[in-house]
Protein backbone atom coordinates (compact mmCIF):
# COMPACT_ATOMS: atom_id res chain seq x y z
CA MET A 1 99.85 85.00 142.11
CA LYS A 2 101.31 86.75 139.11
CA PRO A 3 102.62 90.29 139.52
CA ILE A 4 100.24 93.00 138.20
CA VAL A 5 101.10 95.52 135.56
CA LEU A 6 98.38 98.12 135.55
CA HIS A 7 97.99 99.96 132.26
CA VAL A 8 96.12 103.27 132.05
CA ALA A 9 94.99 104.32 128.56
CA ALA A 10 92.29 106.43 126.89
CA GLU A 11 91.87 103.84 124.11
CA VAL A 12 91.53 100.08 124.06
CA SER A 13 90.48 98.40 120.82
CA PRO A 14 87.93 97.15 120.03
CA PHE A 15 86.05 99.02 122.72
CA HIS A 16 87.11 102.51 121.61
CA LYS A 17 89.92 103.85 119.51
CA SER A 18 90.99 106.62 117.19
CA GLY A 19 94.37 105.34 116.21
CA GLY A 20 97.36 103.10 116.99
CA LEU A 21 97.05 103.59 120.82
CA GLY A 22 93.88 101.46 120.86
CA ASP A 23 95.60 98.80 118.72
CA VAL A 24 98.55 98.54 121.05
CA LEU A 25 96.23 98.07 124.05
CA ALA A 26 94.50 95.30 122.10
CA GLY A 27 97.64 93.39 121.19
CA LEU A 28 100.16 93.95 123.94
CA PRO A 29 98.14 92.61 126.95
CA PRO A 30 97.77 89.00 125.70
CA ALA A 31 101.51 88.86 124.83
CA LEU A 32 102.38 90.04 128.33
CA ASP A 33 100.07 87.50 129.86
CA ASP A 34 101.93 84.82 127.86
CA GLU A 35 105.04 86.16 129.64
CA GLY A 36 103.58 85.54 133.06
CA VAL A 37 102.22 89.03 133.84
CA ASP A 38 98.73 89.65 135.27
CA VAL A 39 97.63 92.41 132.96
CA ARG A 40 95.00 94.92 134.18
CA ILE A 41 93.76 97.84 132.11
CA ILE A 42 92.02 100.99 133.24
CA THR A 43 90.10 102.86 130.49
CA PRO A 44 87.15 105.20 130.25
CA ARG A 45 83.58 104.07 129.54
CA TYR A 46 82.76 106.91 127.12
CA GLY A 47 79.23 106.07 126.27
CA GLY A 48 78.04 106.06 122.74
CA THR A 49 81.46 105.32 121.18
CA SER A 50 82.21 102.25 123.31
CA LYS A 51 81.56 98.78 121.85
CA PHE A 52 81.24 95.89 124.18
CA THR A 53 80.05 93.14 121.80
CA SER A 54 83.26 91.26 122.16
CA ILE A 55 82.61 90.62 125.86
CA GLY A 56 78.98 89.84 125.60
CA GLY A 57 77.55 93.33 125.29
CA GLU A 58 76.63 95.52 128.19
CA GLU A 59 75.64 92.52 130.24
CA GLY A 60 79.26 91.34 129.99
CA LEU A 61 80.32 94.27 132.28
CA ALA A 62 80.10 93.52 135.94
CA PRO A 63 79.72 96.47 138.30
CA TRP A 64 82.76 96.69 140.56
CA PRO A 65 81.73 95.99 144.16
CA VAL A 66 83.85 98.78 145.55
CA PRO A 67 82.27 102.17 145.58
CA LEU A 68 84.54 105.00 144.60
CA ARG A 69 84.35 108.70 145.10
CA ILE A 70 87.11 111.02 144.18
CA THR A 71 87.59 114.76 144.77
CA LEU A 72 88.82 117.12 142.06
CA ALA A 73 89.32 120.76 142.71
CA GLY A 74 87.27 120.46 145.92
CA GLN A 75 84.35 118.84 144.12
CA PRO A 76 83.35 115.26 145.00
CA ILE A 77 82.74 113.04 141.99
CA ASP A 78 81.15 109.53 142.10
CA VAL A 79 82.95 106.99 139.95
CA ARG A 80 81.31 103.87 138.70
CA VAL A 81 83.63 101.03 137.65
CA TYR A 82 82.75 98.05 135.48
CA GLU A 83 84.96 95.01 135.29
CA ALA A 84 85.30 92.35 132.55
CA ARG A 85 87.63 89.68 131.43
CA THR A 86 88.81 90.88 128.00
CA HIS A 87 91.39 90.06 125.34
CA ARG A 88 90.11 86.56 124.92
CA GLY A 89 90.40 86.02 128.66
CA GLN A 90 93.97 87.15 128.96
CA ALA A 91 93.40 90.53 130.65
CA THR A 92 91.09 92.22 133.12
CA THR A 93 89.80 95.65 132.11
CA TYR A 94 88.16 98.24 134.37
CA PHE A 95 85.86 100.66 132.56
CA VAL A 96 85.57 103.98 134.38
CA GLU A 97 82.36 105.98 134.15
CA ALA A 98 82.08 109.37 135.75
CA GLU A 99 80.54 112.83 135.26
CA HIS A 100 82.47 114.98 132.75
CA LEU A 101 84.51 111.97 131.53
CA SER A 102 81.76 109.84 129.97
CA ARG A 103 80.57 111.52 126.85
CA GLY A 104 79.91 110.34 123.33
CA ASN A 105 83.29 111.13 121.85
CA LEU A 106 86.78 110.23 123.08
CA TYR A 107 88.37 113.62 122.61
CA GLY A 108 87.63 117.16 121.23
CA TYR A 109 85.96 118.85 124.21
CA GLY A 110 87.20 122.19 125.61
CA ASP A 111 87.56 120.62 129.07
CA ASP A 112 89.50 117.51 127.99
CA ALA A 113 92.24 118.21 130.53
CA TYR A 114 89.66 118.14 133.33
CA ARG A 115 87.99 115.08 131.92
CA PHE A 116 91.24 113.16 131.98
CA ALA A 117 92.14 114.50 135.42
CA VAL A 118 88.92 112.76 136.53
CA PHE A 119 90.19 109.63 134.74
CA GLY A 120 93.65 109.93 136.42
CA LYS A 121 92.18 110.28 139.89
CA ALA A 122 89.87 107.29 139.28
CA ALA A 123 92.74 105.23 137.95
CA VAL A 124 94.78 105.84 141.15
CA ALA A 125 91.84 105.06 143.30
CA ILE A 126 91.38 101.74 141.53
CA ALA A 127 95.14 101.02 141.86
CA SER A 128 94.96 101.68 145.54
CA VAL A 129 92.04 99.25 146.05
CA LEU A 130 93.92 96.60 144.08
CA SER A 131 97.11 97.19 146.09
CA ARG A 132 95.30 96.60 149.37
CA SER A 133 93.32 93.58 148.15
CA ARG A 134 94.32 90.15 149.37
CA ASN A 135 92.67 88.43 146.35
CA VAL A 136 95.01 89.72 143.77
CA GLY A 137 98.73 89.92 143.37
CA ARG A 138 100.63 93.11 144.14
CA VAL A 139 100.52 95.97 141.71
CA SER A 140 104.17 96.01 140.60
CA VAL A 141 104.12 98.66 137.80
CA LEU A 142 101.81 101.49 136.76
CA HIS A 143 102.13 101.95 132.98
CA ALA A 144 100.52 105.10 131.49
CA HIS A 145 99.99 105.75 127.84
CA ASP A 146 100.10 109.21 126.18
CA TRP A 147 99.11 112.58 127.73
CA HIS A 148 95.50 111.47 128.60
CA ALA A 149 96.98 109.23 131.32
CA ALA A 150 99.76 111.55 132.45
CA LEU A 151 98.02 112.81 135.57
CA ALA A 152 97.63 109.28 136.82
CA LEU A 153 101.38 109.20 137.25
CA TYR A 154 101.29 112.62 139.04
CA TYR A 155 98.48 111.61 141.36
CA ALA A 156 100.16 108.31 142.07
CA LYS A 157 103.43 109.98 143.06
CA ALA A 158 101.94 113.05 144.78
CA LEU A 159 99.02 111.71 146.78
CA ALA A 160 99.41 109.84 150.03
CA SER A 161 98.18 106.39 148.98
CA SER A 162 99.13 102.81 148.83
CA VAL A 163 100.46 103.22 145.23
CA GLN A 164 102.80 106.10 146.02
CA GLY A 165 105.93 103.94 145.76
CA ILE A 166 104.99 101.88 142.67
CA PRO A 167 107.33 102.27 139.74
CA CYS A 168 105.85 104.18 136.77
CA VAL A 169 106.31 103.73 133.01
CA PHE A 170 105.18 106.25 130.42
CA THR A 171 104.84 105.40 126.80
CA ILE A 172 104.84 108.12 124.08
CA HIS A 173 102.70 106.98 121.13
CA ASN A 174 102.80 110.40 119.46
CA LEU A 175 104.84 113.19 120.85
CA ALA A 176 102.86 115.78 118.71
CA PHE A 177 99.92 115.50 121.19
CA GLN A 178 101.05 116.82 124.56
CA GLY A 179 97.94 118.01 126.53
CA GLN A 180 98.82 121.63 126.70
CA GLU A 181 96.63 124.01 128.65
CA ARG A 182 96.61 127.54 130.01
CA ALA A 183 98.52 127.88 133.26
CA SER A 184 95.34 129.05 134.98
CA THR A 185 94.00 125.49 134.53
CA THR A 186 96.51 124.20 137.08
CA PRO A 187 94.41 124.41 140.33
CA TYR A 188 91.41 122.85 138.69
CA LEU A 189 93.41 119.73 137.96
CA ASP A 190 94.64 119.46 141.63
CA ILE A 191 98.20 120.21 140.59
CA ALA A 192 100.11 122.18 143.20
CA TRP A 193 101.67 125.42 141.97
CA GLU A 194 105.03 124.20 143.13
CA ALA A 195 104.58 121.13 140.90
CA PHE A 196 103.48 123.35 138.04
CA HIS A 197 106.72 125.31 138.22
CA GLU A 198 108.98 122.35 138.75
CA VAL A 199 107.31 119.70 136.57
CA PHE A 200 104.52 120.81 134.22
CA GLU A 201 105.47 124.39 133.23
CA ASP A 202 106.29 124.77 129.51
CA HIS A 203 106.95 128.30 128.34
CA GLY A 204 104.26 129.68 130.58
CA THR A 205 101.77 126.99 129.75
CA LEU A 206 100.74 123.70 131.50
CA ASN A 207 102.08 120.64 129.62
CA LEU A 208 100.79 117.29 130.92
CA LEU A 209 103.02 115.16 128.77
CA LYS A 210 106.11 117.10 129.98
CA GLY A 211 105.12 116.31 133.56
CA ALA A 212 104.82 112.58 132.89
CA LEU A 213 108.27 112.51 131.18
CA LEU A 214 109.77 114.01 134.42
CA ILE A 215 107.81 111.79 136.82
CA ALA A 216 108.11 108.44 135.02
CA ASP A 217 110.85 106.00 136.15
CA ARG A 218 111.01 104.70 132.55
CA ILE A 219 109.89 106.25 129.21
CA THR A 220 109.21 104.19 126.10
CA THR A 221 108.39 105.03 122.53
CA VAL A 222 106.84 102.74 120.08
CA SER A 223 109.95 102.19 117.87
CA PRO A 224 113.76 102.51 118.28
CA THR A 225 114.13 104.97 115.39
CA TYR A 226 111.39 107.21 116.74
CA SER A 227 113.11 107.24 120.18
CA HIS A 228 116.07 108.76 118.49
CA GLU A 229 114.12 111.16 116.17
CA ILE A 230 112.28 112.79 119.08
CA ARG A 231 115.63 113.84 120.53
CA THR A 232 116.20 116.07 117.49
CA ALA A 233 114.82 119.52 116.85
CA ARG A 234 113.00 118.31 113.69
CA TYR A 235 110.85 115.77 115.41
CA GLY A 236 111.08 116.71 119.08
CA HIS A 237 108.06 119.14 119.21
CA ARG A 238 110.10 121.35 121.60
CA MET A 239 110.68 118.39 123.94
CA ASP A 240 113.96 117.30 122.34
CA GLY A 241 116.22 118.99 124.79
CA LEU A 242 114.40 117.49 127.72
CA LEU A 243 114.41 114.01 126.02
CA ARG A 244 118.14 114.19 125.40
CA TRP A 245 118.74 115.06 129.01
CA MET A 246 116.70 111.99 130.13
CA SER A 247 118.09 109.61 127.48
CA HIS A 248 119.12 107.23 130.30
CA LYS A 249 115.52 106.32 130.94
CA LEU A 250 114.24 106.39 127.34
CA ARG A 251 114.04 103.36 125.03
CA GLY A 252 112.25 102.45 121.89
CA ILE A 253 110.27 99.20 121.71
CA THR A 254 108.68 98.41 118.36
CA ASN A 255 104.92 97.68 118.37
CA GLY A 256 103.64 94.41 117.02
CA ILE A 257 100.28 93.42 115.58
CA ASP A 258 97.69 90.88 116.55
CA THR A 259 98.48 88.09 114.13
CA SER A 260 95.41 86.19 115.02
CA VAL A 261 93.21 89.02 113.85
CA TRP A 262 95.43 90.11 110.99
CA ASN A 263 95.76 86.79 109.19
CA PRO A 264 94.86 86.45 105.50
CA ALA A 265 94.49 82.71 105.91
CA THR A 266 91.62 83.06 108.36
CA ASP A 267 90.29 86.62 107.94
CA LYS A 268 86.48 86.58 107.90
CA HIS A 269 86.37 90.05 106.32
CA LEU A 270 87.83 88.76 103.04
CA PRO A 271 85.93 87.18 100.15
CA ALA A 272 88.69 84.60 99.78
CA THR A 273 91.61 83.65 102.08
CA PHE A 274 95.25 82.97 101.13
CA ASP A 275 98.71 82.53 102.57
CA ALA A 276 102.36 82.84 101.56
CA ASP A 277 102.33 79.45 99.79
CA ASP A 278 99.06 80.01 97.86
CA LEU A 279 98.17 83.54 96.73
CA ALA A 280 95.26 82.64 94.54
CA GLY A 281 92.81 84.12 97.05
CA LYS A 282 94.62 87.49 96.76
CA GLU A 283 93.59 87.80 93.15
CA ALA A 284 90.05 86.99 94.06
CA CYS A 285 90.12 89.75 96.78
CA ARG A 286 91.45 92.20 94.18
CA THR A 287 88.64 91.49 91.76
CA ALA A 288 85.99 91.73 94.53
CA LEU A 289 87.41 95.02 95.84
CA ARG A 290 87.25 96.55 92.43
CA PHE A 291 83.64 95.59 92.13
CA GLU A 292 82.88 96.84 95.65
CA LEU A 293 84.38 100.21 95.07
CA GLY A 294 83.44 100.75 91.47
CA LEU A 295 86.86 100.52 89.96
CA HIS A 296 87.21 99.35 86.43
CA PRO A 297 88.05 95.56 85.96
CA SER A 298 91.74 95.66 85.29
CA LYS A 299 95.18 94.06 85.64
CA ALA A 300 96.54 97.47 86.68
CA PRO A 301 98.56 97.67 89.84
CA LEU A 302 96.43 98.63 92.79
CA LEU A 303 97.70 101.18 95.35
CA GLY A 304 95.92 101.21 98.69
CA CYS A 305 95.95 103.70 101.57
CA VAL A 306 94.16 103.29 104.89
CA SER A 307 94.95 106.23 107.07
CA ARG A 308 93.88 109.20 109.13
CA LEU A 309 93.67 111.95 106.54
CA THR A 310 96.20 114.39 107.98
CA MET A 311 99.28 116.35 106.99
CA GLN A 312 101.30 114.25 109.36
CA LYS A 313 100.41 111.16 107.31
CA GLY A 314 101.58 112.99 104.09
CA ILE A 315 98.14 112.57 102.44
CA ASP A 316 98.64 115.92 100.63
CA HIS A 317 101.65 114.35 98.89
CA LEU A 318 99.56 111.33 97.94
CA CYS A 319 97.03 113.71 96.39
CA ASP A 320 99.84 115.52 94.57
CA VAL A 321 100.99 112.30 92.78
CA ALA A 322 97.62 110.59 92.33
CA ASP A 323 97.14 111.93 88.72
CA ASP A 324 100.63 110.75 87.69
CA PHE A 325 100.12 107.26 89.22
CA VAL A 326 96.82 106.84 87.30
CA ARG A 327 98.42 108.14 83.98
CA ARG A 328 101.06 105.40 84.42
CA GLY A 329 98.41 102.72 84.52
CA GLY A 330 97.72 102.34 88.25
CA GLN A 331 94.60 102.45 90.32
CA LEU A 332 94.21 104.02 93.75
CA VAL A 333 91.85 103.34 96.67
CA VAL A 334 91.92 105.46 99.79
CA LEU A 335 89.96 104.81 103.07
CA GLY A 336 89.89 107.22 106.02
CA GLU A 337 88.74 110.46 107.43
CA GLY A 338 90.36 113.51 108.92
CA GLU A 339 91.19 117.02 107.85
CA GLU A 340 88.49 118.51 105.62
CA PRO A 341 90.72 120.02 102.89
CA LEU A 342 92.31 116.56 102.39
CA GLU A 343 88.96 114.87 102.25
CA HIS A 344 87.83 117.34 99.57
CA ARG A 345 90.92 116.76 97.51
CA LEU A 346 90.42 113.03 97.59
CA HIS A 347 86.78 113.34 96.69
CA TRP A 348 87.61 115.66 93.77
CA LEU A 349 90.32 113.13 92.56
CA SER A 350 87.85 110.27 92.65
CA MET A 351 85.33 112.34 90.68
CA SER A 352 88.07 113.28 88.21
CA HIS A 353 89.16 109.67 87.66
CA PRO A 354 86.09 107.48 87.89
CA GLY A 355 86.89 103.87 87.78
CA ALA A 356 90.54 104.54 88.52
CA ILE A 357 90.43 106.22 91.98
CA ALA A 358 88.04 105.31 94.75
CA PHE A 359 87.76 107.22 98.02
CA ARG A 360 85.68 106.23 100.98
CA ARG A 361 85.41 108.74 103.83
CA ALA A 362 84.85 106.36 106.75
CA PHE A 363 86.37 104.24 109.43
CA ASP A 364 85.44 100.72 108.17
CA GLU A 365 87.38 97.83 109.75
CA GLY A 366 86.16 95.18 107.22
CA LEU A 367 86.91 97.42 104.30
CA ALA A 368 90.36 98.12 105.66
CA HIS A 369 91.07 94.39 105.73
CA ARG A 370 89.89 94.03 102.17
CA ILE A 371 92.13 96.85 101.01
CA TYR A 372 95.19 95.41 102.65
CA ALA A 373 94.45 92.04 101.01
CA ALA A 374 93.63 93.29 97.50
CA SER A 375 96.30 95.88 97.04
CA ASP A 376 99.64 95.32 95.21
CA LEU A 377 101.21 98.46 96.83
CA PHE A 378 100.40 100.39 99.98
CA ALA A 379 101.18 104.12 100.41
CA MET A 380 102.57 105.50 103.70
CA PRO A 381 104.04 108.99 102.89
CA SER A 382 104.23 110.04 106.58
CA ARG A 383 106.10 113.16 107.55
CA PHE A 384 106.73 111.31 110.89
CA GLU A 385 105.54 107.97 112.00
CA PRO A 386 106.16 106.91 115.62
CA CYS A 387 105.70 103.28 114.67
CA GLY A 388 102.95 102.67 112.17
CA LEU A 389 100.94 99.45 112.02
CA ALA A 390 99.60 99.73 108.39
CA GLN A 391 102.98 98.70 106.91
CA MET A 392 102.94 95.51 109.00
CA TYR A 393 99.34 94.78 108.11
CA SER A 394 100.13 95.29 104.42
CA MET A 395 103.17 93.00 104.47
CA ARG A 396 101.23 90.36 106.30
CA TYR A 397 98.70 90.43 103.43
CA GLY A 398 101.30 90.23 100.60
CA THR A 399 101.14 94.00 99.86
CA ILE A 400 104.34 95.98 99.34
CA PRO A 401 104.55 99.19 101.40
CA VAL A 402 105.90 102.35 99.69
CA ALA A 403 106.83 104.48 102.64
CA ARG A 404 108.90 107.45 103.78
CA ALA A 405 112.01 106.40 105.87
CA THR A 406 110.96 107.75 109.24
CA GLY A 407 110.25 106.35 112.66
CA GLY A 408 109.00 102.73 112.92
CA LEU A 409 108.75 102.50 109.14
CA VAL A 410 112.54 102.27 109.10
CA ASP A 411 112.50 99.55 111.86
CA THR A 412 109.94 97.31 110.23
CA ILE A 413 110.54 97.60 106.41
CA ALA A 414 113.55 96.03 104.74
CA PRO A 415 114.14 98.40 101.84
CA LEU A 416 114.57 97.36 98.19
CA HIS A 417 117.91 98.53 96.69
CA ASN A 418 117.99 96.70 93.45
CA LEU A 419 115.04 95.40 91.43
CA HIS A 420 117.08 92.55 90.04
CA GLU A 421 118.47 91.52 93.43
CA VAL A 422 115.51 91.62 95.76
CA GLY A 423 117.17 89.61 98.54
CA GLY A 424 115.28 90.10 101.83
CA ALA A 425 113.50 93.28 100.78
CA THR A 426 109.90 93.79 101.96
CA GLY A 427 109.15 97.33 100.86
CA ILE A 428 110.24 100.53 99.22
CA LEU A 429 111.61 103.43 101.42
CA TYR A 430 112.35 106.94 100.35
CA ARG A 431 113.81 109.82 102.44
CA SER A 432 112.86 113.23 101.18
CA ASP A 433 109.66 114.78 102.58
CA GLU A 434 108.61 115.92 99.08
CA SER A 435 105.85 114.84 96.64
CA ASP A 436 108.52 114.16 93.97
CA ALA A 437 110.20 111.63 96.26
CA LEU A 438 106.91 109.76 96.66
CA ARG A 439 106.35 109.99 92.91
CA GLN A 440 109.73 108.31 92.20
CA ALA A 441 109.12 105.64 94.88
CA LEU A 442 105.74 104.79 93.30
CA HIS A 443 107.44 104.58 89.87
CA TRP A 444 109.74 101.93 91.47
CA GLY A 445 106.72 100.33 92.99
CA LEU A 446 105.07 100.04 89.52
CA ALA A 447 108.19 98.46 88.19
CA VAL A 448 108.03 95.86 90.94
CA ALA A 449 104.36 95.27 90.32
CA HIS A 450 105.08 94.56 86.58
CA ASP A 451 108.04 92.24 87.40
CA PRO A 452 106.59 88.85 88.38
CA ALA A 453 109.71 87.51 90.02
CA ALA A 454 110.42 90.63 92.08
CA LEU A 455 106.78 90.94 93.13
CA ALA A 456 106.65 87.28 94.21
CA ALA A 457 109.88 87.48 96.16
CA MET A 458 108.87 90.69 98.02
CA ARG A 459 105.45 89.38 98.84
CA SER A 460 106.87 86.13 100.19
CA ASN A 461 109.51 88.08 102.27
CA GLY A 462 106.90 90.32 103.85
CA MET A 463 104.29 87.58 104.56
CA ARG A 464 106.96 85.50 106.36
CA GLU A 465 108.07 88.35 108.70
CA ASP A 466 107.19 87.89 112.39
CA PHE A 467 105.37 91.03 113.48
CA SER A 468 103.64 89.43 116.55
CA TRP A 469 103.74 91.01 119.89
CA GLN A 470 105.90 88.26 121.59
CA LYS A 471 109.33 89.87 121.02
CA SER A 472 108.11 93.29 122.09
CA ALA A 473 106.43 91.88 125.18
CA ARG A 474 109.56 90.18 126.31
CA THR A 475 111.41 93.56 125.99
CA TYR A 476 108.71 95.22 128.13
CA VAL A 477 108.97 92.48 130.79
CA GLU A 478 112.74 92.92 130.96
CA MET A 479 112.12 96.64 131.64
CA TYR A 480 109.46 95.84 134.27
CA ARG A 481 111.90 93.57 136.02
CA GLU A 482 114.41 96.40 136.13
CA LEU A 483 111.80 98.22 138.16
CA GLY A 484 111.23 95.29 140.52
CA LEU A 485 108.45 93.25 138.84
């Protein structure tokens, strides 16, 4: 039997996600399976937000035969677990349903720390059952993702159970979110006060992510550049000193994408398909998108953006330069939702430039695919970007990313240095975190879009890049083997 790596994560696409974490838990497990790992995933069953159509609907979930009851802060909580073969048969996922945890939304409740403590206790209980089972291989590694899963590592190490000695890995998908709570929350999460002072205490508060960093045997981030950036004061979110101290167990492993889902040659979301050798379908996609979103029929370069609408993503900078981009003959389409002031600015821009700027406030997977396929350029003006997947999606679809040189954008985009000597360039990178820097980068992007030779070369370079999960999965397996896989 293959060794088990047990992933604990709050998001798994397509069942429930709010960002890149869900996409990672969609793409990494099949690649690990290809490397000989028995991948098991533990994730919440939230309720209204969960989508189970890909495993045959609700009837595709089999109730786990083992009854579970956990205790948190002295209160017994019954846990219902549902099991399914997922990821096209290449992983087993356990969906956890319990009081407090299972609500309509993933996050945003005042008791989220308690909710994910329930989740952490349930995850350790499931891991304990699997470890004692004779019908499955041994659980070799417990791999937790982001602060929501941090307490699973603490409970696994602190509780007397059959998983107490299992090596633990913790992945930081975004250091900005740390699960900070008042110190008074500590006993309600079954954290001993001694552990609070030695592991979780952060300037008088309880910091769940900090505890996971100290507990884990290995820490990973989602790109090499981000792993270095978070050890600096600028990007470290007050954890930089701690991360420098534990550099010996920290490494960056770049995310991949699911190239079977993100494939312009087979994508069922597109009105026409295409590949690196025949781009005729891309022009058809552009024409169809303009009609779909009410943009004027035009030969103007089309700039796309699919993003959470937040300051982190630099959407304010995109709003700052939108007028200039349109005046220079471009068109802009933005899809996403997020911070209300940014949504209002984008709505106002679309009203001010009808037929030239289109904004859709939504999360729409199909429309996202069509924007990647139809655009000439793709904007990613992020203030920081742990890895980023949109730049890989855009290159895969022959669309040139214009991105700030930070985090995983540096690791995945080969920058253009000379318009007349494209070489292996796949995108345009700029360094300064200012609107003017984005404006100048977009001017260069327009120059590329108007130069048929440069445009064709950069499209071809990007579409031929290998962004599959296989390379990353091999690196993860090497790390797991260091821990005794």
